[in-house]
Amino acid sequence: INVNTADVQVLRALSTSANVGKLEQF
């Protein structure tokens, strides 16, 4: 998965320990 182009839903699905705040900031 390309992190620069993926939808936030796709990125969140890659990790059960995602930091939602930092992910949304990115």
mmCIF file of all heavy atoms, coordinates in Angstrom:
data_MODEL
# 
_entry.id   MODEL 
# 
loop_
_atom_site.group_PDB 
_atom_site.id 
_atom_site.type_symbol 
_atom_site.label_atom_id 
_atom_site.label_alt_id 
_atom_site.label_comp_id 
_atom_site.label_asym_id 
_atom_site.label_entity_id 
_atom_site.label_seq_id 
_atom_site.pdbx_PDB_ins_code 
_atom_site.Cartn_x 
_atom_site.Cartn_y 
_atom_site.Cartn_z 
_atom_site.occupancy 
_atom_site.B_iso_or_equiv 
_atom_site.pdbx_formal_charge 
_atom_site.auth_seq_id 
_atom_site.auth_comp_id 
_atom_site.auth_asym_id 
_atom_site.auth_atom_id 
_atom_site.pdbx_PDB_model_num 
ATOM 1   N N   . ILE A 1 1  ? 0.836   -1.187 0.000  1.00 0.00 ? 1  ILE A N   1 
ATOM 2   C CA  . ILE A 1 1  ? 0.000   0.000  0.000  1.00 0.00 ? 1  ILE A CA  1 
ATOM 3   C C   . ILE A 1 1  ? 0.878   1.246  0.000  1.00 0.00 ? 1  ILE A C   1 
ATOM 4   O O   . ILE A 1 1  ? 1.781   1.380  0.827  1.00 0.00 ? 1  ILE A O   1 
ATOM 5   C CB  . ILE A 1 1  ? -0.919  0.022  1.239  1.00 0.00 ? 1  ILE A CB  1 
ATOM 6   C CG1 . ILE A 1 1  ? -1.855  -1.194 1.239  1.00 0.00 ? 1  ILE A CG1 1 
ATOM 7   C CG2 . ILE A 1 1  ? -1.714  1.323  1.302  1.00 0.00 ? 1  ILE A CG2 1 
ATOM 8   C CD1 . ILE A 1 1  ? -2.874  -1.195 0.140  1.00 0.00 ? 1  ILE A CD1 1 
ATOM 9   N N   . ASN A 1 2  ? 0.608   2.152  -0.942 1.00 0.00 ? 2  ASN A N   1 
ATOM 10  C CA  . ASN A 1 2  ? 1.336   3.416  -0.990 1.00 0.00 ? 2  ASN A CA  1 
ATOM 11  C C   . ASN A 1 2  ? 0.701   4.379  0.015  1.00 0.00 ? 2  ASN A C   1 
ATOM 12  O O   . ASN A 1 2  ? -0.443  4.808  -0.152 1.00 0.00 ? 2  ASN A O   1 
ATOM 13  C CB  . ASN A 1 2  ? 1.279   4.010  -2.398 1.00 0.00 ? 2  ASN A CB  1 
ATOM 14  C CG  . ASN A 1 2  ? 2.142   5.255  -2.540 1.00 0.00 ? 2  ASN A CG  1 
ATOM 15  O OD1 . ASN A 1 2  ? 2.418   5.965  -1.580 1.00 0.00 ? 2  ASN A OD1 1 
ATOM 16  N ND2 . ASN A 1 2  ? 2.576   5.522  -3.762 1.00 0.00 ? 2  ASN A ND2 1 
ATOM 17  N N   . VAL A 1 3  ? 1.443   4.721  1.065  1.00 0.00 ? 3  VAL A N   1 
ATOM 18  C CA  . VAL A 1 3  ? 0.896   5.568  2.127  1.00 0.00 ? 3  VAL A CA  1 
ATOM 19  C C   . VAL A 1 3  ? 0.609   6.990  1.645  1.00 0.00 ? 3  VAL A C   1 
ATOM 20  O O   . VAL A 1 3  ? -0.187  7.710  2.263  1.00 0.00 ? 3  VAL A O   1 
ATOM 21  C CB  . VAL A 1 3  ? 1.850   5.613  3.340  1.00 0.00 ? 3  VAL A CB  1 
ATOM 22  C CG1 . VAL A 1 3  ? 2.003   4.240  3.963  1.00 0.00 ? 3  VAL A CG1 1 
ATOM 23  C CG2 . VAL A 1 3  ? 3.212   6.200  2.947  1.00 0.00 ? 3  VAL A CG2 1 
ATOM 24  N N   . ASN A 1 4  ? 1.226   7.404  0.552  1.00 0.00 ? 4  ASN A N   1 
ATOM 25  C CA  . ASN A 1 4  ? 1.025   8.765  0.044  1.00 0.00 ? 4  ASN A CA  1 
ATOM 26  C C   . ASN A 1 4  ? -0.274  8.920  -0.734 1.00 0.00 ? 4  ASN A C   1 
ATOM 27  O O   . ASN A 1 4  ? -0.704  10.051 -0.993 1.00 0.00 ? 4  ASN A O   1 
ATOM 28  C CB  . ASN A 1 4  ? 2.188   9.166  -0.868 1.00 0.00 ? 4  ASN A CB  1 
ATOM 29  C CG  . ASN A 1 4  ? 3.474   9.386  -0.110 1.00 0.00 ? 4  ASN A CG  1 
ATOM 30  O OD1 . ASN A 1 4  ? 3.460   9.879  1.017  1.00 0.00 ? 4  ASN A OD1 1 
ATOM 31  N ND2 . ASN A 1 4  ? 4.599   9.000  -0.709 1.00 0.00 ? 4  ASN A ND2 1 
ATOM 32  N N   . THR A 1 5  ? -0.888  7.815  -1.126 1.00 0.00 ? 5  THR A N   1 
ATOM 33  C CA  . THR A 1 5  ? -2.092  7.903  -1.964 1.00 0.00 ? 5  THR A CA  1 
ATOM 34  C C   . THR A 1 5  ? -3.278  7.129  -1.402 1.00 0.00 ? 5  THR A C   1 
ATOM 35  O O   . THR A 1 5  ? -4.399  7.297  -1.880 1.00 0.00 ? 5  THR A O   1 
ATOM 36  C CB  . THR A 1 5  ? -1.803  7.367  -3.378 1.00 0.00 ? 5  THR A CB  1 
ATOM 37  O OG1 . THR A 1 5  ? -1.401  5.993  -3.291 1.00 0.00 ? 5  THR A OG1 1 
ATOM 38  C CG2 . THR A 1 5  ? -0.701  8.170  -4.064 1.00 0.00 ? 5  THR A CG2 1 
ATOM 39  N N   . ALA A 1 6  ? -3.069  6.292  -0.391 1.00 0.00 ? 6  ALA A N   1 
ATOM 40  C CA  . ALA A 1 6  ? -4.135  5.425  0.112  1.00 0.00 ? 6  ALA A CA  1 
ATOM 41  C C   . ALA A 1 6  ? -5.173  6.209  0.906  1.00 0.00 ? 6  ALA A C   1 
ATOM 42  O O   . ALA A 1 6  ? -4.859  7.194  1.591  1.00 0.00 ? 6  ALA A O   1 
ATOM 43  C CB  . ALA A 1 6  ? -3.543  4.318  0.982  1.00 0.00 ? 6  ALA A CB  1 
ATOM 44  N N   . ASP A 1 7  ? -6.418  5.741  0.819  1.00 0.00 ? 7  ASP A N   1 
ATOM 45  C CA  . ASP A 1 7  ? -7.492  6.288  1.636  1.00 0.00 ? 7  ASP A CA  1 
ATOM 46  C C   . ASP A 1 7  ? -7.212  5.985  3.108  1.00 0.00 ? 7  ASP A C   1 
ATOM 47  O O   . ASP A 1 7  ? -6.619  4.958  3.445  1.00 0.00 ? 7  ASP A O   1 
ATOM 48  C CB  . ASP A 1 7  ? -8.823  5.663  1.205  1.00 0.00 ? 7  ASP A CB  1 
ATOM 49  C CG  . ASP A 1 7  ? -10.014 6.322  1.855  1.00 0.00 ? 7  ASP A CG  1 
ATOM 50  O OD1 . ASP A 1 7  ? -10.303 5.979  3.033  1.00 0.00 ? 7  ASP A OD1 1 
ATOM 51  O OD2 . ASP A 1 7  ? -10.669 7.157  1.224  1.00 0.00 ? 7  ASP A OD2 1 
ATOM 52  N N   . VAL A 1 8  ? -7.643  6.864  3.994  1.00 0.00 ? 8  VAL A N   1 
ATOM 53  C CA  . VAL A 1 8  ? -7.395  6.669  5.415  1.00 0.00 ? 8  VAL A CA  1 
ATOM 54  C C   . VAL A 1 8  ? -7.998  5.364  5.916  1.00 0.00 ? 8  VAL A C   1 
ATOM 55  O O   . VAL A 1 8  ? -7.450  4.717  6.809  1.00 0.00 ? 8  VAL A O   1 
ATOM 56  C CB  . VAL A 1 8  ? -7.927  7.880  6.233  1.00 0.00 ? 8  VAL A CB  1 
ATOM 57  C CG1 . VAL A 1 8  ? -9.447  7.995  6.116  1.00 0.00 ? 8  VAL A CG1 1 
ATOM 58  C CG2 . VAL A 1 8  ? -7.499  7.772  7.683  1.00 0.00 ? 8  VAL A CG2 1 
ATOM 59  N N   . GLN A 1 9  ? -9.126  4.920  5.322  1.00 0.00 ? 9  GLN A N   1 
ATOM 60  C CA  . GLN A 1 9  ? -9.736  3.657  5.732  1.00 0.00 ? 9  GLN A CA  1 
ATOM 61  C C   . GLN A 1 9  ? -8.822  2.482  5.424  1.00 0.00 ? 9  GLN A C   1 
ATOM 62  O O   . GLN A 1 9  ? -8.744  1.527  6.194  1.00 0.00 ? 9  GLN A O   1 
ATOM 63  C CB  . GLN A 1 9  ? -11.084 3.451  5.031  1.00 0.00 ? 9  GLN A CB  1 
ATOM 64  C CG  . GLN A 1 9  ? -12.198 4.346  5.534  1.00 0.00 ? 9  GLN A CG  1 
ATOM 65  C CD  . GLN A 1 9  ? -13.491 4.081  4.796  1.00 0.00 ? 9  GLN A CD  1 
ATOM 66  O OE1 . GLN A 1 9  ? -13.855 4.792  3.861  1.00 0.00 ? 9  GLN A OE1 1 
ATOM 67  N NE2 . GLN A 1 9  ? -14.206 3.053  5.201  1.00 0.00 ? 9  GLN A NE2 1 
ATOM 68  N N   . VAL A 1 10 ? -8.145  2.554  4.285  1.00 0.00 ? 10 VAL A N   1 
ATOM 69  C CA  . VAL A 1 10 ? -7.234  1.481  3.902  1.00 0.00 ? 10 VAL A CA  1 
ATOM 70  C C   . VAL A 1 10 ? -6.040  1.449  4.846  1.00 0.00 ? 10 VAL A C   1 
ATOM 71  O O   . VAL A 1 10 ? -5.623  0.383  5.311  1.00 0.00 ? 10 VAL A O   1 
ATOM 72  C CB  . VAL A 1 10 ? -6.761  1.668  2.441  1.00 0.00 ? 10 VAL A CB  1 
ATOM 73  C CG1 . VAL A 1 10 ? -5.727  0.609  2.074  1.00 0.00 ? 10 VAL A CG1 1 
ATOM 74  C CG2 . VAL A 1 10 ? -7.953  1.594  1.486  1.00 0.00 ? 10 VAL A CG2 1 
ATOM 75  N N   . LEU A 1 11 ? -5.492  2.598  5.155  1.00 0.00 ? 11 LEU A N   1 
ATOM 76  C CA  . LEU A 1 11 ? -4.337  2.659  6.047  1.00 0.00 ? 11 LEU A CA  1 
ATOM 77  C C   . LEU A 1 11 ? -4.702  2.177  7.450  1.00 0.00 ? 11 LEU A C   1 
ATOM 78  O O   . LEU A 1 11 ? -3.938  1.434  8.074  1.00 0.00 ? 11 LEU A O   1 
ATOM 79  C CB  . LEU A 1 11 ? -3.788  4.078  6.097  1.00 0.00 ? 11 LEU A CB  1 
ATOM 80  C CG  . LEU A 1 11 ? -3.146  4.594  4.797  1.00 0.00 ? 11 LEU A CG  1 
ATOM 81  C CD1 . LEU A 1 11 ? -2.746  6.052  4.936  1.00 0.00 ? 11 LEU A CD1 1 
ATOM 82  C CD2 . LEU A 1 11 ? -1.935  3.739  4.422  1.00 0.00 ? 11 LEU A CD2 1 
ATOM 83  N N   . ARG A 1 12 ? -5.843  2.567  7.959  1.00 0.00 ? 12 ARG A N   1 
ATOM 84  C CA  . ARG A 1 12 ? -6.244  2.146  9.304  1.00 0.00 ? 12 ARG A CA  1 
ATOM 85  C C   . ARG A 1 12 ? -6.415  0.635  9.382  1.00 0.00 ? 12 ARG A C   1 
ATOM 86  O O   . ARG A 1 12 ? -6.198  0.026  10.423 1.00 0.00 ? 12 ARG A O   1 
ATOM 87  C CB  . ARG A 1 12 ? -7.538  2.844  9.713  1.00 0.00 ? 12 ARG A CB  1 
ATOM 88  C CG  . ARG A 1 12 ? -7.367  4.327  9.987  1.00 0.00 ? 12 ARG A CG  1 
ATOM 89  C CD  . ARG A 1 12 ? -8.645  4.967  10.500 1.00 0.00 ? 12 ARG A CD  1 
ATOM 90  N NE  . ARG A 1 12 ? -9.035  4.427  11.805 1.00 0.00 ? 12 ARG A NE  1 
ATOM 91  C CZ  . ARG A 1 12 ? -10.044 4.902  12.521 1.00 0.00 ? 12 ARG A CZ  1 
ATOM 92  N NH1 . ARG A 1 12 ? -10.761 5.920  12.077 1.00 0.00 ? 12 ARG A NH1 1 
ATOM 93  N NH2 . ARG A 1 12 ? -10.339 4.367  13.688 1.00 0.00 ? 12 ARG A NH2 1 
ATOM 94  N N   . ALA A 1 13 ? -6.809  0.013  8.265  1.00 0.00 ? 13 ALA A N   1 
ATOM 95  C CA  . ALA A 1 13 ? -7.014  -1.437 8.250  1.00 0.00 ? 13 ALA A CA  1 
ATOM 96  C C   . ALA A 1 13 ? -5.705  -2.209 8.347  1.00 0.00 ? 13 ALA A C   1 
ATOM 97  O O   . ALA A 1 13 ? -5.713  -3.412 8.649  1.00 0.00 ? 13 ALA A O   1 
ATOM 98  C CB  . ALA A 1 13 ? -7.761  -1.852 6.981  1.00 0.00 ? 13 ALA A CB  1 
ATOM 99  N N   . LEU A 1 14 ? -4.589  -1.554 8.128  1.00 0.00 ? 14 LEU A N   1 
ATOM 100 C CA  . LEU A 1 14 ? -3.293  -2.237 8.147  1.00 0.00 ? 14 LEU A CA  1 
ATOM 101 C C   . LEU A 1 14 ? -2.758  -2.454 9.555  1.00 0.00 ? 14 LEU A C   1 
ATOM 102 O O   . LEU A 1 14 ? -1.809  -3.213 9.742  1.00 0.00 ? 14 LEU A O   1 
ATOM 103 C CB  . LEU A 1 14 ? -2.268  -1.435 7.344  1.00 0.00 ? 14 LEU A CB  1 
ATOM 104 C CG  . LEU A 1 14 ? -2.577  -1.201 5.860  1.00 0.00 ? 14 LEU A CG  1 
ATOM 105 C CD1 . LEU A 1 14 ? -1.475  -0.388 5.217  1.00 0.00 ? 14 LEU A CD1 1 
ATOM 106 C CD2 . LEU A 1 14 ? -2.769  -2.527 5.125  1.00 0.00 ? 14 LEU A CD2 1 
ATOM 107 N N   . SER A 1 15 ? -3.337  -1.784 10.538 1.00 0.00 ? 15 SER A N   1 
ATOM 108 C CA  . SER A 1 15 ? -2.802  -1.881 11.887 1.00 0.00 ? 15 SER A CA  1 
ATOM 109 C C   . SER A 1 15 ? -3.911  -1.751 12.921 1.00 0.00 ? 15 SER A C   1 
ATOM 110 O O   . SER A 1 15 ? -4.737  -0.843 12.838 1.00 0.00 ? 15 SER A O   1 
ATOM 111 C CB  . SER A 1 15 ? -1.758  -0.775 12.118 1.00 0.00 ? 15 SER A CB  1 
ATOM 112 O OG  . SER A 1 15 ? -1.314  -0.763 13.460 1.00 0.00 ? 15 SER A OG  1 
ATOM 113 N N   . THR A 1 16 ? -3.917  -2.671 13.855 1.00 0.00 ? 16 THR A N   1 
ATOM 114 C CA  . THR A 1 16 ? -4.890  -2.591 14.950 1.00 0.00 ? 16 THR A CA  1 
ATOM 115 C C   . THR A 1 16 ? -4.433  -1.617 16.029 1.00 0.00 ? 16 THR A C   1 
ATOM 116 O O   . THR A 1 16 ? -5.179  -1.343 16.969 1.00 0.00 ? 16 THR A O   1 
ATOM 117 C CB  . THR A 1 16 ? -5.101  -3.985 15.574 1.00 0.00 ? 16 THR A CB  1 
ATOM 118 O OG1 . THR A 1 16 ? -3.828  -4.496 16.008 1.00 0.00 ? 16 THR A OG1 1 
ATOM 119 C CG2 . THR A 1 16 ? -5.715  -4.934 14.562 1.00 0.00 ? 16 THR A CG2 1 
ATOM 120 N N   . SER A 1 17 ? -3.212  -1.096 15.897 1.00 0.00 ? 17 SER A N   1 
ATOM 121 C CA  . SER A 1 17 ? -2.683  -0.151 16.887 1.00 0.00 ? 17 SER A CA  1 
ATOM 122 C C   . SER A 1 17 ? -2.359  1.197  16.251 1.00 0.00 ? 17 SER A C   1 
ATOM 123 O O   . SER A 1 17 ? -1.422  1.884  16.664 1.00 0.00 ? 17 SER A O   1 
ATOM 124 C CB  . SER A 1 17 ? -1.430  -0.723 17.557 1.00 0.00 ? 17 SER A CB  1 
ATOM 125 O OG  . SER A 1 17 ? -0.427  -1.024 16.582 1.00 0.00 ? 17 SER A OG  1 
ATOM 126 N N   . ALA A 1 18 ? -3.141  1.571  15.222 1.00 0.00 ? 18 ALA A N   1 
ATOM 127 C CA  . ALA A 1 18 ? -2.898  2.839  14.547 1.00 0.00 ? 18 ALA A CA  1 
ATOM 128 C C   . ALA A 1 18 ? -3.169  4.010  15.480 1.00 0.00 ? 18 ALA A C   1 
ATOM 129 O O   . ALA A 1 18 ? -4.096  3.983  16.292 1.00 0.00 ? 18 ALA A O   1 
ATOM 130 C CB  . ALA A 1 18 ? -3.780  2.951  13.303 1.00 0.00 ? 18 ALA A CB  1 
ATOM 131 N N   . ASN A 1 19 ? -2.343  5.046  15.369 1.00 0.00 ? 19 ASN A N   1 
ATOM 132 C CA  . ASN A 1 19 ? -2.563  6.288  16.106 1.00 0.00 ? 19 ASN A CA  1 
ATOM 133 C C   . ASN A 1 19 ? -3.411  7.188  15.205 1.00 0.00 ? 19 ASN A C   1 
ATOM 134 O O   . ASN A 1 19 ? -2.898  7.803  14.268 1.00 0.00 ? 19 ASN A O   1 
ATOM 135 C CB  . ASN A 1 19 ? -1.233  6.961  16.439 1.00 0.00 ? 19 ASN A CB  1 
ATOM 136 C CG  . ASN A 1 19 ? -1.396  8.181  17.321 1.00 0.00 ? 19 ASN A CG  1 
ATOM 137 O OD1 . ASN A 1 19 ? -2.246  9.032  17.078 1.00 0.00 ? 19 ASN A OD1 1 
ATOM 138 N ND2 . ASN A 1 19 ? -0.562  8.277  18.360 1.00 0.00 ? 19 ASN A ND2 1 
ATOM 139 N N   . VAL A 1 20 ? -4.718  7.225  15.482 1.00 0.00 ? 20 VAL A N   1 
ATOM 140 C CA  . VAL A 1 20 ? -5.656  7.900  14.592 1.00 0.00 ? 20 VAL A CA  1 
ATOM 141 C C   . VAL A 1 20 ? -5.297  9.368  14.413 1.00 0.00 ? 20 VAL A C   1 
ATOM 142 O O   . VAL A 1 20 ? -5.337  9.909  13.296 1.00 0.00 ? 20 VAL A O   1 
ATOM 143 C CB  . VAL A 1 20 ? -7.098  7.756  15.116 1.00 0.00 ? 20 VAL A CB  1 
ATOM 144 C CG1 . VAL A 1 20 ? -8.064  8.520  14.208 1.00 0.00 ? 20 VAL A CG1 1 
ATOM 145 C CG2 . VAL A 1 20 ? -7.485  6.293  15.186 1.00 0.00 ? 20 VAL A CG2 1 
ATOM 146 N N   . GLY A 1 21 ? -4.924  10.045 15.498 1.00 0.00 ? 21 GLY A N   1 
ATOM 147 C CA  . GLY A 1 21 ? -4.589  11.455 15.407 1.00 0.00 ? 21 GLY A CA  1 
ATOM 148 C C   . GLY A 1 21 ? -3.399  11.712 14.507 1.00 0.00 ? 21 GLY A C   1 
ATOM 149 O O   . GLY A 1 21 ? -3.434  12.604 13.644 1.00 0.00 ? 21 GLY A O   1 
ATOM 150 N N   . LYS A 1 22 ? -2.328  10.943 14.689 1.00 0.00 ? 22 LYS A N   1 
ATOM 151 C CA  . LYS A 1 22 ? -1.128  11.119 13.865 1.00 0.00 ? 22 LYS A CA  1 
ATOM 152 C C   . LYS A 1 22 ? -1.395  10.720 12.408 1.00 0.00 ? 22 LYS A C   1 
ATOM 153 O O   . LYS A 1 22 ? -0.843  11.335 11.484 1.00 0.00 ? 22 LYS A O   1 
ATOM 154 C CB  . LYS A 1 22 ? 0.025   10.303 14.434 1.00 0.00 ? 22 LYS A CB  1 
ATOM 155 C CG  . LYS A 1 22 ? 0.535   10.828 15.775 1.00 0.00 ? 22 LYS A CG  1 
ATOM 156 C CD  . LYS A 1 22 ? 1.703   10.006 16.292 1.00 0.00 ? 22 LYS A CD  1 
ATOM 157 C CE  . LYS A 1 22 ? 2.235   10.574 17.601 1.00 0.00 ? 22 LYS A CE  1 
ATOM 158 N NZ  . LYS A 1 22 ? 3.375   9.795  18.129 1.00 0.00 ? 22 LYS A NZ  1 
ATOM 159 N N   . LEU A 1 23 ? -2.240  9.704  12.221 1.00 0.00 ? 23 LEU A N   1 
ATOM 160 C CA  . LEU A 1 23 ? -2.557  9.278  10.864 1.00 0.00 ? 23 LEU A CA  1 
ATOM 161 C C   . LEU A 1 23 ? -3.346  10.363 10.130 1.00 0.00 ? 23 LEU A C   1 
ATOM 162 O O   . LEU A 1 23 ? -3.050  10.689 8.977  1.00 0.00 ? 23 LEU A O   1 
ATOM 163 C CB  . LEU A 1 23 ? -3.353  7.976  10.896 1.00 0.00 ? 23 LEU A CB  1 
ATOM 164 C CG  . LEU A 1 23 ? -3.719  7.370  9.534  1.00 0.00 ? 23 LEU A CG  1 
ATOM 165 C CD1 . LEU A 1 23 ? -2.472  7.108  8.702  1.00 0.00 ? 23 LEU A CD1 1 
ATOM 166 C CD2 . LEU A 1 23 ? -4.510  6.071  9.725  1.00 0.00 ? 23 LEU A CD2 1 
ATOM 167 N N   . GLU A 1 24 ? -4.330  10.938 10.778 1.00 0.00 ? 24 GLU A N   1 
ATOM 168 C CA  . GLU A 1 24 ? -5.108  12.011 10.166 1.00 0.00 ? 24 GLU A CA  1 
ATOM 169 C C   . GLU A 1 24 ? -4.241  13.240 9.889  1.00 0.00 ? 24 GLU A C   1 
ATOM 170 O O   . GLU A 1 24 ? -4.428  13.929 8.880  1.00 0.00 ? 24 GLU A O   1 
ATOM 171 C CB  . GLU A 1 24 ? -6.295  12.364 11.051 1.00 0.00 ? 24 GLU A CB  1 
ATOM 172 C CG  . GLU A 1 24 ? -7.356  11.269 11.100 1.00 0.00 ? 24 GLU A CG  1 
ATOM 173 C CD  . GLU A 1 24 ? -8.539  11.639 11.969 1.00 0.00 ? 24 GLU A CD  1 
ATOM 174 O OE1 . GLU A 1 24 ? -8.457  12.660 12.688 1.00 0.00 ? 24 GLU A OE1 1 
ATOM 175 O OE2 . GLU A 1 24 ? -9.554  10.914 11.920 1.00 0.00 ? 24 GLU A OE2 1 
ATOM 176 N N   . GLN A 1 25 ? -3.293  13.506 10.755 1.00 0.00 ? 25 GLN A N   1 
ATOM 177 C CA  . GLN A 1 25 ? -2.380  14.632 10.533 1.00 0.00 ? 25 GLN A CA  1 
ATOM 178 C C   . GLN A 1 25 ? -1.530  14.390 9.291  1.00 0.00 ? 25 GLN A C   1 
ATOM 179 O O   . GLN A 1 25 ? -1.314  15.306 8.480  1.00 0.00 ? 25 GLN A O   1 
ATOM 180 C CB  . GLN A 1 25 ? -1.481  14.843 11.750 1.00 0.00 ? 25 GLN A CB  1 
ATOM 181 C CG  . GLN A 1 25 ? -0.538  16.033 11.613 1.00 0.00 ? 25 GLN A CG  1 
ATOM 182 C CD  . GLN A 1 25 ? 0.335   16.223 12.850 1.00 0.00 ? 25 GLN A CD  1 
ATOM 183 O OE1 . GLN A 1 25 ? 0.302   15.423 13.781 1.00 0.00 ? 25 GLN A OE1 1 
ATOM 184 N NE2 . GLN A 1 25 ? 1.136   17.274 12.863 1.00 0.00 ? 25 GLN A NE2 1 
ATOM 185 N N   . PHE A 1 26 ? -1.051  13.162 9.141  1.00 0.00 ? 26 PHE A N   1 
ATOM 186 C CA  . PHE A 1 26 ? -0.267  12.836 7.943  1.00 0.00 ? 26 PHE A CA  1 
ATOM 187 C C   . PHE A 1 26 ? -1.130  12.974 6.693  1.00 0.00 ? 26 PHE A C   1 
ATOM 188 O O   . PHE A 1 26 ? -0.665  13.518 5.669  1.00 0.00 ? 26 PHE A O   1 
ATOM 189 C CB  . PHE A 1 26 ? 0.283   11.415 8.044  1.00 0.00 ? 26 PHE A CB  1 
ATOM 190 C CG  . PHE A 1 26 ? 0.941   10.935 6.773  1.00 0.00 ? 26 PHE A CG  1 
ATOM 191 C CD1 . PHE A 1 26 ? 2.196   11.397 6.414  1.00 0.00 ? 26 PHE A CD1 1 
ATOM 192 C CD2 . PHE A 1 26 ? 0.290   10.044 5.931  1.00 0.00 ? 26 PHE A CD2 1 
ATOM 193 C CE1 . PHE A 1 26 ? 2.799   10.975 5.233  1.00 0.00 ? 26 PHE A CE1 1 
ATOM 194 C CE2 . PHE A 1 26 ? 0.884   9.615  4.755  1.00 0.00 ? 26 PHE A CE2 1 
ATOM 195 C CZ  . PHE A 1 26 ? 2.146   10.079 4.403  1.00 0.00 ? 26 PHE A CZ  1 
# 
